[in-house]
PDB file of all heavy atoms in Angstrom:
ATOM      1  N   ILE A   1      -9.563  23.049  -5.953  1.00  0.00           N
ATOM      2  CA  ILE A   1      -9.987  21.909  -5.141  1.00  0.00           C
ATOM      3  C   ILE A   1      -9.911  20.612  -5.937  1.00  0.00           C
ATOM      4  O   ILE A   1      -9.424  19.593  -5.443  1.00  0.00           O
ATOM      5  CB  ILE A   1     -11.421  22.129  -4.603  1.00  0.00           C
ATOM      6  CG1 ILE A   1     -11.426  23.222  -3.531  1.00  0.00           C
ATOM      7  CG2 ILE A   1     -11.976  20.832  -4.014  1.00  0.00           C
ATOM      8  CD1 ILE A   1     -12.799  23.564  -3.003  1.00  0.00           C
ATOM      9  N   ALA A   2     -10.402  20.644  -7.169  1.00  0.00           N
ATOM     10  CA  ALA A   2     -10.462  19.426  -7.967  1.00  0.00           C
ATOM     11  C   ALA A   2      -9.079  18.897  -8.330  1.00  0.00           C
ATOM     12  O   ALA A   2      -8.844  17.682  -8.290  1.00  0.00           O
ATOM     13  CB  ALA A   2     -11.281  19.670  -9.230  1.00  0.00           C
ATOM     14  N   LEU A   3      -8.151  19.776  -8.656  1.00  0.00           N
ATOM     15  CA  LEU A   3      -6.845  19.343  -9.148  1.00  0.00           C
ATOM     16  C   LEU A   3      -5.755  19.392  -8.072  1.00  0.00           C
ATOM     17  O   LEU A   3      -5.174  18.356  -7.722  1.00  0.00           O
ATOM     18  CB  LEU A   3      -6.431  20.196 -10.352  1.00  0.00           C
ATOM     19  CG  LEU A   3      -7.378  20.145 -11.560  1.00  0.00           C
ATOM     20  CD1 LEU A   3      -6.881  21.072 -12.655  1.00  0.00           C
ATOM     21  CD2 LEU A   3      -7.519  18.729 -12.088  1.00  0.00           C
ATOM     22  N   ALA A   4      -5.478  20.575  -7.539  1.00  0.00           N
ATOM     23  CA  ALA A   4      -4.339  20.728  -6.626  1.00  0.00           C
ATOM     24  C   ALA A   4      -4.643  20.213  -5.219  1.00  0.00           C
ATOM     25  O   ALA A   4      -3.866  19.444  -4.646  1.00  0.00           O
ATOM     26  CB  ALA A   4      -3.922  22.198  -6.565  1.00  0.00           C
ATOM     27  N   ASN A   5      -5.770  20.634  -4.647  1.00  0.00           N
ATOM     28  CA  ASN A   5      -6.073  20.251  -3.271  1.00  0.00           C
ATOM     29  C   ASN A   5      -6.268  18.741  -3.135  1.00  0.00           C
ATOM     30  O   ASN A   5      -5.827  18.141  -2.152  1.00  0.00           O
ATOM     31  CB  ASN A   5      -7.324  20.982  -2.775  1.00  0.00           C
ATOM     32  CG  ASN A   5      -7.485  20.878  -1.274  1.00  0.00           C
ATOM     33  OD1 ASN A   5      -6.717  21.427  -0.505  1.00  0.00           O
ATOM     34  ND2 ASN A   5      -8.512  20.147  -0.844  1.00  0.00           N
ATOM     35  N   SER A   6      -6.914  18.136  -4.129  1.00  0.00           N
ATOM     36  CA  SER A   6      -7.111  16.687  -4.080  1.00  0.00           C
ATOM     37  C   SER A   6      -5.767  15.961  -4.102  1.00  0.00           C
ATOM     38  O   SER A   6      -5.574  14.964  -3.394  1.00  0.00           O
ATOM     39  CB  SER A   6      -7.989  16.225  -5.244  1.00  0.00           C
ATOM     40  OG  SER A   6      -7.387  16.515  -6.486  1.00  0.00           O
ATOM     41  N   PHE A   7      -4.822  16.467  -4.897  1.00  0.00           N
ATOM     42  CA  PHE A   7      -3.494  15.847  -4.968  1.00  0.00           C
ATOM     43  C   PHE A   7      -2.761  15.981  -3.633  1.00  0.00           C
ATOM     44  O   PHE A   7      -2.161  15.006  -3.138  1.00  0.00           O
ATOM     45  CB  PHE A   7      -2.666  16.497  -6.082  1.00  0.00           C
ATOM     46  CG  PHE A   7      -1.338  15.833  -6.316  1.00  0.00           C
ATOM     47  CD1 PHE A   7      -1.242  14.712  -7.116  1.00  0.00           C
ATOM     48  CD2 PHE A   7      -0.182  16.325  -5.711  1.00  0.00           C
ATOM     49  CE1 PHE A   7      -0.013  14.076  -7.318  1.00  0.00           C
ATOM     50  CE2 PHE A   7       1.039  15.705  -5.909  1.00  0.00           C
ATOM     51  CZ  PHE A   7       1.127  14.585  -6.717  1.00  0.00           C
ATOM     52  N   LEU A   8      -2.815  17.162  -3.037  1.00  0.00           N
ATOM     53  CA  LEU A   8      -2.150  17.385  -1.756  1.00  0.00           C
ATOM     54  C   LEU A   8      -2.752  16.514  -0.655  1.00  0.00           C
ATOM     55  O   LEU A   8      -2.026  15.948   0.177  1.00  0.00           O
ATOM     56  CB  LEU A   8      -2.242  18.863  -1.371  1.00  0.00           C
ATOM     57  CG  LEU A   8      -1.408  19.832  -2.218  1.00  0.00           C
ATOM     58  CD1 LEU A   8      -1.809  21.270  -1.923  1.00  0.00           C
ATOM     59  CD2 LEU A   8       0.078  19.629  -1.957  1.00  0.00           C
ATOM     60  N   GLU A   9      -4.075  16.403  -0.638  1.00  0.00           N
ATOM     61  CA  GLU A   9      -4.733  15.565   0.364  1.00  0.00           C
ATOM     62  C   GLU A   9      -4.368  14.100   0.181  1.00  0.00           C
ATOM     63  O   GLU A   9      -4.168  13.375   1.165  1.00  0.00           O
ATOM     64  CB  GLU A   9      -6.246  15.755   0.314  1.00  0.00           C
ATOM     65  CG  GLU A   9      -6.708  17.104   0.864  1.00  0.00           C
ATOM     66  CD  GLU A   9      -8.216  17.250   0.875  1.00  0.00           C
ATOM     67  OE1 GLU A   9      -8.915  16.293   0.488  1.00  0.00           O
ATOM     68  OE2 GLU A   9      -8.704  18.322   1.277  1.00  0.00           O
ATOM     69  N   GLU A  10      -4.286  13.650  -1.068  1.00  0.00           N
ATOM     70  CA  GLU A  10      -3.908  12.257  -1.312  1.00  0.00           C
ATOM     71  C   GLU A  10      -2.460  12.000  -0.898  1.00  0.00           C
ATOM     72  O   GLU A  10      -2.150  10.955  -0.329  1.00  0.00           O
ATOM     73  CB  GLU A  10      -4.126  11.893  -2.786  1.00  0.00           C
ATOM     74  CG  GLU A  10      -5.579  11.774  -3.172  1.00  0.00           C
ATOM     75  CD  GLU A  10      -6.369  10.917  -2.197  1.00  0.00           C
ATOM     76  OE1 GLU A  10      -5.996   9.743  -1.987  1.00  0.00           O
ATOM     77  OE2 GLU A  10      -7.349  11.419  -1.616  1.00  0.00           O
ATOM     78  N   PHE A  11      -1.596  12.947  -1.181  1.00  0.00           N
ATOM     79  CA  PHE A  11      -0.207  12.814  -0.745  1.00  0.00           C
ATOM     80  C   PHE A  11      -0.126  12.737   0.780  1.00  0.00           C
ATOM     81  O   PHE A  11       0.556  11.866   1.340  1.00  0.00           O
ATOM     82  CB  PHE A  11       0.625  13.996  -1.255  1.00  0.00           C
ATOM     83  CG  PHE A  11       1.963  14.136  -0.585  1.00  0.00           C
ATOM     84  CD1 PHE A  11       2.899  13.116  -0.642  1.00  0.00           C
ATOM     85  CD2 PHE A  11       2.279  15.288   0.130  1.00  0.00           C
ATOM     86  CE1 PHE A  11       4.141  13.238  -0.009  1.00  0.00           C
ATOM     87  CE2 PHE A  11       3.509  15.416   0.754  1.00  0.00           C
ATOM     88  CZ  PHE A  11       4.447  14.391   0.683  1.00  0.00           C
ATOM     89  N   PHE A  12      -0.852  13.622   1.461  1.00  0.00           N
ATOM     90  CA  PHE A  12      -0.744  13.717   2.916  1.00  0.00           C
ATOM     91  C   PHE A  12      -1.457  12.567   3.625  1.00  0.00           C
ATOM     92  O   PHE A  12      -0.866  11.900   4.490  1.00  0.00           O
ATOM     93  CB  PHE A  12      -1.321  15.055   3.382  1.00  0.00           C
ATOM     94  CG  PHE A  12      -1.064  15.342   4.837  1.00  0.00           C
ATOM     95  CD1 PHE A  12       0.201  15.710   5.269  1.00  0.00           C
ATOM     96  CD2 PHE A  12      -2.084  15.274   5.764  1.00  0.00           C
ATOM     97  CE1 PHE A  12       0.448  15.970   6.619  1.00  0.00           C
ATOM     98  CE2 PHE A  12      -1.854  15.547   7.109  1.00  0.00           C
ATOM     99  CZ  PHE A  12      -0.585  15.894   7.535  1.00  0.00           C
ATOM    100  N   PHE A  13      -2.723  12.326   3.277  1.00  0.00           N
ATOM    101  CA  PHE A  13      -3.515  11.340   4.019  1.00  0.00           C
ATOM    102  C   PHE A  13      -3.323   9.905   3.527  1.00  0.00           C
ATOM    103  O   PHE A  13      -3.433   8.969   4.319  1.00  0.00           O
ATOM    104  CB  PHE A  13      -4.999  11.702   3.978  1.00  0.00           C
ATOM    105  CG  PHE A  13      -5.336  12.912   4.794  1.00  0.00           C
ATOM    106  CD1 PHE A  13      -5.594  14.129   4.176  1.00  0.00           C
ATOM    107  CD2 PHE A  13      -5.381  12.851   6.171  1.00  0.00           C
ATOM    108  CE1 PHE A  13      -5.898  15.265   4.930  1.00  0.00           C
ATOM    109  CE2 PHE A  13      -5.685  13.972   6.932  1.00  0.00           C
ATOM    110  CZ  PHE A  13      -5.935  15.186   6.307  1.00  0.00           C
ATOM    111  N   ARG A  14      -3.080   9.719   2.241  1.00  0.00           N
ATOM    112  CA  ARG A  14      -2.901   8.370   1.726  1.00  0.00           C
ATOM    113  C   ARG A  14      -1.413   8.020   1.555  1.00  0.00           C
ATOM    114  O   ARG A  14      -0.963   6.973   1.990  1.00  0.00           O
ATOM    115  CB  ARG A  14      -3.645   8.195   0.398  1.00  0.00           C
ATOM    116  CG  ARG A  14      -4.879   7.339   0.534  1.00  0.00           C
ATOM    117  CD  ARG A  14      -5.942   7.965   1.418  1.00  0.00           C
ATOM    118  NE  ARG A  14      -6.527   9.162   0.839  1.00  0.00           N
ATOM    119  CZ  ARG A  14      -7.486   9.878   1.419  1.00  0.00           C
ATOM    120  NH1 ARG A  14      -7.945   9.540   2.604  1.00  0.00           N
ATOM    121  NH2 ARG A  14      -7.979  10.954   0.829  1.00  0.00           N
ATOM    122  N   GLY A  15      -0.652   8.917   0.910  1.00  0.00           N
ATOM    123  CA  GLY A  15       0.754   8.608   0.698  1.00  0.00           C
ATOM    124  C   GLY A  15       1.542   8.576   1.994  1.00  0.00           C
ATOM    125  O   GLY A  15       2.254   7.604   2.291  1.00  0.00           O
ATOM    126  N   TYR A  16       1.412   9.648   2.769  1.00  0.00           N
ATOM    127  CA  TYR A  16       2.122   9.785   4.046  1.00  0.00           C
ATOM    128  C   TYR A  16       1.361   9.097   5.174  1.00  0.00           C
ATOM    129  O   TYR A  16       1.946   8.383   5.989  1.00  0.00           O
ATOM    130  CB  TYR A  16       2.315  11.267   4.332  1.00  0.00           C
ATOM    131  CG  TYR A  16       2.876  11.632   5.676  1.00  0.00           C
ATOM    132  CD1 TYR A  16       4.154  11.230   6.062  1.00  0.00           C
ATOM    133  CD2 TYR A  16       2.140  12.429   6.560  1.00  0.00           C
ATOM    134  CE1 TYR A  16       4.674  11.594   7.294  1.00  0.00           C
ATOM    135  CE2 TYR A  16       2.662  12.797   7.783  1.00  0.00           C
ATOM    136  CZ  TYR A  16       3.925  12.384   8.147  1.00  0.00           C
ATOM    137  OH  TYR A  16       4.442  12.748   9.367  1.00  0.00           O
ATOM    138  N   GLY A  17       0.038   9.282   5.210  1.00  0.00           N
ATOM    139  CA  GLY A  17      -0.766   8.800   6.329  1.00  0.00           C
ATOM    140  C   GLY A  17      -1.141   7.337   6.262  1.00  0.00           C
ATOM    141  O   GLY A  17      -1.507   6.751   7.278  1.00  0.00           O
ATOM    142  N   PHE A  18      -1.054   6.734   5.067  1.00  0.00           N
ATOM    143  CA  PHE A  18      -1.369   5.303   4.981  1.00  0.00           C
ATOM    144  C   PHE A  18      -0.195   4.474   4.452  1.00  0.00           C
ATOM    145  O   PHE A  18       0.327   3.617   5.151  1.00  0.00           O
ATOM    146  CB  PHE A  18      -2.592   5.071   4.093  1.00  0.00           C
ATOM    147  CG  PHE A  18      -2.844   3.615   3.812  1.00  0.00           C
ATOM    148  CD1 PHE A  18      -3.200   2.751   4.834  1.00  0.00           C
ATOM    149  CD2 PHE A  18      -2.697   3.097   2.528  1.00  0.00           C
ATOM    150  CE1 PHE A  18      -3.401   1.390   4.597  1.00  0.00           C
ATOM    151  CE2 PHE A  18      -2.895   1.750   2.272  1.00  0.00           C
ATOM    152  CZ  PHE A  18      -3.250   0.886   3.304  1.00  0.00           C
ATOM    153  N   ILE A  19       0.236   4.753   3.212  1.00  0.00           N
ATOM    154  CA  ILE A  19       1.293   3.930   2.604  1.00  0.00           C
ATOM    155  C   ILE A  19       2.570   3.968   3.441  1.00  0.00           C
ATOM    156  O   ILE A  19       3.202   2.943   3.689  1.00  0.00           O
ATOM    157  CB  ILE A  19       1.570   4.397   1.161  1.00  0.00           C
ATOM    158  CG1 ILE A  19       0.339   4.167   0.278  1.00  0.00           C
ATOM    159  CG2 ILE A  19       2.771   3.645   0.583  1.00  0.00           C
ATOM    160  CD1 ILE A  19       0.447   4.752  -1.128  1.00  0.00           C
ATOM    161  N   THR A  20       2.959   5.171   3.893  1.00  0.00           N
ATOM    162  CA  THR A  20       4.164   5.288   4.717  1.00  0.00           C
ATOM    163  C   THR A  20       3.915   4.759   6.126  1.00  0.00           C
ATOM    164  O   THR A  20       4.733   4.011   6.668  1.00  0.00           O
ATOM    165  CB  THR A  20       4.625   6.760   4.788  1.00  0.00           C
ATOM    166  OG1 THR A  20       4.855   7.249   3.465  1.00  0.00           O
ATOM    167  CG2 THR A  20       5.912   6.884   5.597  1.00  0.00           C
ATOM    168  N   LEU A  21       2.780   5.130   6.723  1.00  0.00           N
ATOM    169  CA  LEU A  21       2.493   4.724   8.101  1.00  0.00           C
ATOM    170  C   LEU A  21       2.443   3.213   8.252  1.00  0.00           C
ATOM    171  O   LEU A  21       2.939   2.667   9.250  1.00  0.00           O
ATOM    172  CB  LEU A  21       1.166   5.336   8.562  1.00  0.00           C
ATOM    173  CG  LEU A  21       0.685   4.948   9.968  1.00  0.00           C
ATOM    174  CD1 LEU A  21       1.683   5.395  11.024  1.00  0.00           C
ATOM    175  CD2 LEU A  21      -0.691   5.544  10.240  1.00  0.00           C
ATOM    176  N   LYS A  22       1.862   2.505   7.293  1.00  0.00           N
ATOM    177  CA  LYS A  22       1.688   1.051   7.454  1.00  0.00           C
ATOM    178  C   LYS A  22       3.026   0.308   7.444  1.00  0.00           C
ATOM    179  O   LYS A  22       3.084  -0.853   7.843  1.00  0.00           O
ATOM    180  CB  LYS A  22       0.752   0.489   6.389  1.00  0.00           C
ATOM    181  CG  LYS A  22       1.329   0.375   5.010  1.00  0.00           C
ATOM    182  CD  LYS A  22       0.376  -0.383   4.095  1.00  0.00           C
ATOM    183  CE  LYS A  22       1.023  -0.549   2.716  1.00  0.00           C
ATOM    184  NZ  LYS A  22       0.252  -1.439   1.859  1.00  0.00           N
ATOM    185  N   LYS A  23       4.103   0.970   7.017  1.00  0.00           N
ATOM    186  CA  LYS A  23       5.426   0.353   7.067  1.00  0.00           C
ATOM    187  C   LYS A  23       5.967   0.307   8.499  1.00  0.00           C
ATOM    188  O   LYS A  23       6.900  -0.439   8.786  1.00  0.00           O
ATOM    189  CB  LYS A  23       6.407   1.118   6.167  1.00  0.00           C
ATOM    190  CG  LYS A  23       6.026   1.115   4.686  1.00  0.00           C
ATOM    191  CD  LYS A  23       7.017   1.885   3.845  1.00  0.00           C
ATOM    192  CE  LYS A  23       6.562   2.026   2.400  1.00  0.00           C
ATOM    193  NZ  LYS A  23       6.354   0.757   1.714  1.00  0.00           N
ATOM    194  N   TYR A  24       5.373   1.119   9.392  1.00  0.00           N
ATOM    195  CA  TYR A  24       5.878   1.200  10.766  1.00  0.00           C
ATOM    196  C   TYR A  24       4.825   0.788  11.801  1.00  0.00           C
ATOM    197  O   TYR A  24       5.064   0.881  13.001  1.00  0.00           O
ATOM    198  CB  TYR A  24       6.338   2.626  11.072  1.00  0.00           C
ATOM    199  CG  TYR A  24       7.252   3.183  10.005  1.00  0.00           C
ATOM    200  CD1 TYR A  24       6.839   4.212   9.175  1.00  0.00           C
ATOM    201  CD2 TYR A  24       8.529   2.646   9.813  1.00  0.00           C
ATOM    202  CE1 TYR A  24       7.669   4.715   8.185  1.00  0.00           C
ATOM    203  CE2 TYR A  24       9.365   3.128   8.824  1.00  0.00           C
ATOM    204  CZ  TYR A  24       8.926   4.167   8.006  1.00  0.00           C
ATOM    205  OH  TYR A  24       9.741   4.648   7.013  1.00  0.00           O
ATOM    206  N   THR A  25       3.666   0.338  11.324  1.00  0.00           N
ATOM    207  CA  THR A  25       2.619  -0.109  12.233  1.00  0.00           C
ATOM    208  C   THR A  25       1.841  -1.208  11.527  1.00  0.00           C
ATOM    209  O   THR A  25       2.184  -1.594  10.408  1.00  0.00           O
ATOM    210  CB  THR A  25       1.693   1.063  12.629  1.00  0.00           C
ATOM    211  OG1 THR A  25       0.750   0.607  13.600  1.00  0.00           O
ATOM    212  CG2 THR A  25       0.933   1.599  11.424  1.00  0.00           C
ATOM    213  N   ASN A  26       0.778  -1.694  12.144  1.00  0.00           N
ATOM    214  CA  ASN A  26       0.030  -2.751  11.455  1.00  0.00           C
ATOM    215  C   ASN A  26      -0.947  -2.158  10.444  1.00  0.00           C
ATOM    216  O   ASN A  26      -1.384  -1.014  10.565  1.00  0.00           O
ATOM    217  CB  ASN A  26      -0.689  -3.668  12.457  1.00  0.00           C
ATOM    218  CG  ASN A  26      -1.837  -2.979  13.166  1.00  0.00           C
ATOM    219  OD1 ASN A  26      -2.886  -2.721  12.582  1.00  0.00           O
ATOM    220  ND2 ASN A  26      -1.638  -2.676  14.444  1.00  0.00           N
ATOM    221  N   ARG A  27      -1.261  -2.955   9.447  1.00  0.00           N
ATOM    222  CA  ARG A  27      -2.051  -2.514   8.295  1.00  0.00           C
ATOM    223  C   ARG A  27      -3.431  -2.024   8.701  1.00  0.00           C
ATOM    224  O   ARG A  27      -3.907  -1.003   8.215  1.00  0.00           O
ATOM    225  CB  ARG A  27      -2.159  -3.686   7.314  1.00  0.00           C
ATOM    226  CG  ARG A  27      -2.971  -3.437   6.056  1.00  0.00           C
ATOM    227  CD  ARG A  27      -2.787  -4.625   5.118  1.00  0.00           C
ATOM    228  NE  ARG A  27      -3.676  -4.562   3.977  1.00  0.00           N
ATOM    229  CZ  ARG A  27      -4.845  -5.182   3.911  1.00  0.00           C
ATOM    230  NH1 ARG A  27      -5.266  -5.891   4.964  1.00  0.00           N
ATOM    231  NH2 ARG A  27      -5.609  -5.082   2.844  1.00  0.00           N
ATOM    232  N   ARG A  28      -4.102  -2.731   9.593  1.00  0.00           N
ATOM    233  CA  ARG A  28      -5.463  -2.359  10.010  1.00  0.00           C
ATOM    234  C   ARG A  28      -5.479  -0.983  10.675  1.00  0.00           C
ATOM    235  O   ARG A  28      -6.350  -0.160  10.399  1.00  0.00           O
ATOM    236  CB  ARG A  28      -6.030  -3.408  10.961  1.00  0.00           C
ATOM    237  CG  ARG A  28      -7.459  -3.133  11.409  1.00  0.00           C
ATOM    238  CD  ARG A  28      -7.982  -4.234  12.314  1.00  0.00           C
ATOM    239  NE  ARG A  28      -8.053  -5.507  11.611  1.00  0.00           N
ATOM    240  CZ  ARG A  28      -8.443  -6.645  12.177  1.00  0.00           C
ATOM    241  NH1 ARG A  28      -8.770  -6.664  13.467  1.00  0.00           N
ATOM    242  NH2 ARG A  28      -8.496  -7.756  11.474  1.00  0.00           N
ATOM    243  N   PHE A  29      -4.509  -0.742  11.548  1.00  0.00           N
ATOM    244  CA  PHE A  29      -4.430   0.555  12.212  1.00  0.00           C
ATOM    245  C   PHE A  29      -4.217   1.670  11.194  1.00  0.00           C
ATOM    246  O   PHE A  29      -4.842   2.729  11.278  1.00  0.00           O
ATOM    247  CB  PHE A  29      -3.287   0.565  13.236  1.00  0.00           C
ATOM    248  CG  PHE A  29      -3.085   1.899  13.898  1.00  0.00           C
ATOM    249  CD1 PHE A  29      -3.885   2.292  14.961  1.00  0.00           C
ATOM    250  CD2 PHE A  29      -2.103   2.776  13.436  1.00  0.00           C
ATOM    251  CE1 PHE A  29      -3.707   3.532  15.563  1.00  0.00           C
ATOM    252  CE2 PHE A  29      -1.919   4.014  14.032  1.00  0.00           C
ATOM    253  CZ  PHE A  29      -2.724   4.395  15.095  1.00  0.00           C
ATOM    254  N   ALA A  30      -3.307   1.452  10.231  1.00  0.00           N
ATOM    255  CA  ALA A  30      -3.029   2.467   9.213  1.00  0.00           C
ATOM    256  C   ALA A  30      -4.285   2.775   8.391  1.00  0.00           C
ATOM    257  O   ALA A  30      -4.558   3.933   8.073  1.00  0.00           O
ATOM    258  CB  ALA A  30      -1.898   2.001   8.302  1.00  0.00           C
ATOM    259  N   TYR A  31      -5.038   1.725   8.042  1.00  0.00           N
ATOM    260  CA  TYR A  31      -6.284   1.917   7.306  1.00  0.00           C
ATOM    261  C   TYR A  31      -7.230   2.834   8.066  1.00  0.00           C
ATOM    262  O   TYR A  31      -7.727   3.836   7.530  1.00  0.00           O
ATOM    263  CB  TYR A  31      -6.971   0.558   7.090  1.00  0.00           C
ATOM    264  CG  TYR A  31      -6.867   0.004   5.689  1.00  0.00           C
ATOM    265  CD1 TYR A  31      -5.913  -0.948   5.379  1.00  0.00           C
ATOM    266  CD2 TYR A  31      -7.731   0.414   4.685  1.00  0.00           C
ATOM    267  CE1 TYR A  31      -5.810  -1.472   4.104  1.00  0.00           C
ATOM    268  CE2 TYR A  31      -7.643  -0.108   3.404  1.00  0.00           C
ATOM    269  CZ  TYR A  31      -6.684  -1.055   3.114  1.00  0.00           C
ATOM    270  OH  TYR A  31      -6.584  -1.571   1.847  1.00  0.00           O
ATOM    271  N   LEU A  32      -7.516   2.479   9.316  1.00  0.00           N
ATOM    272  CA  LEU A  32      -8.522   3.203  10.096  1.00  0.00           C
ATOM    273  C   LEU A  32      -8.049   4.583  10.513  1.00  0.00           C
ATOM    274  O   LEU A  32      -8.784   5.562  10.414  1.00  0.00           O
ATOM    275  CB  LEU A  32      -8.912   2.380  11.328  1.00  0.00           C
ATOM    276  CG  LEU A  32      -9.745   1.123  11.064  1.00  0.00           C
ATOM    277  CD1 LEU A  32      -9.961   0.347  12.356  1.00  0.00           C
ATOM    278  CD2 LEU A  32     -11.092   1.482  10.436  1.00  0.00           C
TER     279      LEU A  32
END
């Protein structure tokens, strides 16, 4: 959980779900 799962969650929810998403929508929506 501390090492692998945290990395996967950050990749999925922040890397894919925020950094990538905000390129195709507005920043506020991507944040929330």
